[in-house]
């Protein structure tokens, strides 16, 4: 088994001991992304929809660095500090994904890094 670390400057740098993504064969595991602006490493300004879009933009940047795209994501995990934002996740996700949608989980959490309100990680399969 060969593991390849994936890294891009178009997504926030890792803020801990982890890779932005790791590829094993045709599977890529994308680490959790919060709504950080890559250039400043600060949370994006704006409303919750802006935060969700920034997370999807960060995931897309990492997917591209692994020679994939959001359409290659087969599993998406969403972590929210307020599950009341779940309908907004669905709305904004529709701007980034088409059917067949990835499998998904949404989990309510007490807190996220840097005080973020949303974090997402994903599993992507390349090929076909």
Protein backbone atom coordinates (compact mmCIF):
# COMPACT_ATOMS: atom_id res chain seq x y z
CA UNK A 1 0.00 0.00 0.00
CA UNK A 2 1.45 3.34 -1.09
CA UNK A 3 0.14 6.46 0.61
CA UNK A 4 0.54 9.80 -1.15
CA UNK A 5 0.07 13.06 0.74
CA UNK A 6 -1.87 15.70 -1.22
CA UNK A 7 -1.16 19.39 -0.69
CA UNK A 8 -2.24 22.63 -2.34
CA UNK A 9 -1.85 26.33 -1.56
CA UNK A 10 -5.39 26.86 -2.89
CA UNK A 11 -6.82 25.43 0.33
CA UNK A 12 -5.93 26.27 3.93
CA UNK A 13 -2.68 24.78 5.18
CA UNK A 14 -3.01 22.01 7.75
CA UNK A 15 -3.25 23.46 11.26
CA UNK A 16 -2.07 20.26 12.88
CA UNK A 17 -0.32 16.98 12.27
CA UNK A 18 -2.33 15.87 9.24
CA UNK A 19 -2.35 16.05 5.44
CA UNK A 20 -4.92 18.02 3.46
CA UNK A 21 -5.66 14.68 1.81
CA UNK A 22 -4.13 11.24 1.44
CA UNK A 23 -4.42 9.09 -1.66
CA UNK A 24 -4.28 5.30 -1.48
CA UNK A 25 -4.84 3.67 -4.86
CA UNK A 26 -7.87 5.33 -6.45
CA UNK A 27 -9.28 6.49 -3.11
CA UNK A 28 -8.56 9.94 -1.69
CA UNK A 29 -9.40 10.83 1.90
CA UNK A 30 -9.92 14.60 2.25
CA UNK A 31 -9.31 16.02 5.70
CA UNK A 32 -11.86 18.23 7.37
CA UNK A 33 -12.14 21.73 5.98
CA UNK A 34 -13.48 24.70 7.88
CA UNK A 35 -14.31 28.06 6.27
CA UNK A 36 -10.74 29.40 6.32
CA UNK A 37 -9.53 31.68 3.54
CA UNK A 38 -6.30 30.05 2.31
CA UNK A 39 -4.41 33.32 1.86
CA UNK A 40 -5.13 34.65 5.37
CA UNK A 41 -5.90 31.49 7.36
CA UNK A 42 -8.77 33.47 8.91
CA UNK A 43 -12.45 32.49 8.91
CA UNK A 44 -14.31 33.87 5.91
CA UNK A 45 -16.44 36.93 6.59
CA UNK A 46 -20.12 36.75 5.83
CA UNK A 47 -23.16 34.73 6.70
CA UNK A 48 -23.51 30.98 7.15
CA UNK A 49 -24.07 30.43 3.41
CA UNK A 50 -20.71 32.15 2.74
CA UNK A 51 -19.07 29.86 5.29
CA UNK A 52 -20.55 26.74 3.70
CA UNK A 53 -19.46 27.89 0.23
CA UNK A 54 -15.92 28.50 1.50
CA UNK A 55 -15.79 24.95 2.87
CA UNK A 56 -16.94 23.52 -0.48
CA UNK A 57 -14.40 25.73 -2.30
CA UNK A 58 -11.65 24.42 -0.01
CA UNK A 59 -12.72 20.81 -0.58
CA UNK A 60 -12.80 21.44 -4.34
CA UNK A 61 -9.26 22.86 -4.25
CA UNK A 62 -7.95 19.77 -2.46
CA UNK A 63 -9.89 17.48 -4.81
CA UNK A 64 -8.30 19.25 -7.80
CA UNK A 65 -4.84 18.86 -6.25
CA UNK A 66 -5.52 15.11 -6.21
CA UNK A 67 -6.58 15.22 -9.90
CA UNK A 68 -10.26 14.90 -9.04
CA UNK A 69 -13.28 17.11 -8.54
CA UNK A 70 -16.33 17.34 -6.33
CA UNK A 71 -18.22 14.93 -8.62
CA UNK A 72 -15.73 12.22 -7.54
CA UNK A 73 -16.75 12.51 -3.88
CA UNK A 74 -18.62 9.41 -2.75
CA UNK A 75 -18.96 10.23 0.97
CA UNK A 76 -19.32 13.60 2.65
CA UNK A 77 -19.40 14.20 6.40
CA UNK A 78 -20.80 17.51 7.63
CA UNK A 79 -20.22 18.75 11.16
CA UNK A 80 -22.36 21.64 12.42
CA UNK A 81 -22.39 23.49 15.70
CA UNK A 82 -26.07 24.26 14.99
CA UNK A 83 -28.13 21.61 13.21
CA UNK A 84 -30.62 24.37 12.42
CA UNK A 85 -28.33 25.09 9.46
CA UNK A 86 -29.04 21.68 7.93
CA UNK A 87 -31.56 23.03 5.35
CA UNK A 88 -28.98 25.64 4.29
CA UNK A 89 -26.38 22.89 3.82
CA UNK A 90 -28.80 21.20 1.42
CA UNK A 91 -29.44 24.42 -0.52
CA UNK A 92 -25.79 25.38 -0.90
CA UNK A 93 -24.73 21.79 -1.62
CA UNK A 94 -27.07 21.91 -4.63
CA UNK A 95 -24.85 24.67 -6.07
CA UNK A 96 -21.81 22.35 -6.00
CA UNK A 97 -23.14 18.81 -6.61
CA UNK A 98 -25.36 17.06 -9.13
CA UNK A 99 -26.97 13.64 -8.94
CA UNK A 100 -25.88 11.10 -8.06
CA UNK A 101 -25.12 12.91 -4.82
CA UNK A 102 -22.52 11.52 -2.44
CA UNK A 103 -23.57 9.54 0.60
CA UNK A 104 -23.61 11.96 3.52
CA UNK A 105 -23.80 12.30 7.26
CA UNK A 106 -24.61 15.44 9.22
CA UNK A 107 -23.45 15.54 12.81
CA UNK A 108 -24.15 18.14 15.48
CA UNK A 109 -21.04 19.02 17.49
CA UNK A 110 -20.35 21.27 20.46
CA UNK A 111 -17.43 23.13 18.89
CA UNK A 112 -15.06 23.16 15.91
CA UNK A 113 -11.50 24.42 15.40
CA UNK A 114 -10.99 28.19 15.35
CA UNK A 115 -14.62 28.72 16.37
CA UNK A 116 -15.97 27.62 12.99
CA UNK A 117 -19.65 26.76 12.66
CA UNK A 118 -19.18 24.12 9.94
CA UNK A 119 -16.58 21.54 8.95
CA UNK A 120 -16.68 18.89 6.22
CA UNK A 121 -14.48 15.98 5.24
CA UNK A 122 -14.88 13.62 2.32
CA UNK A 123 -13.87 10.43 0.58
CA UNK A 124 -13.25 10.62 -3.15
CA UNK A 125 -12.78 7.79 -5.64
CA UNK A 126 -10.88 8.50 -8.84
CA UNK A 127 -11.05 6.53 -12.04
CA UNK A 128 -13.79 5.44 -14.43
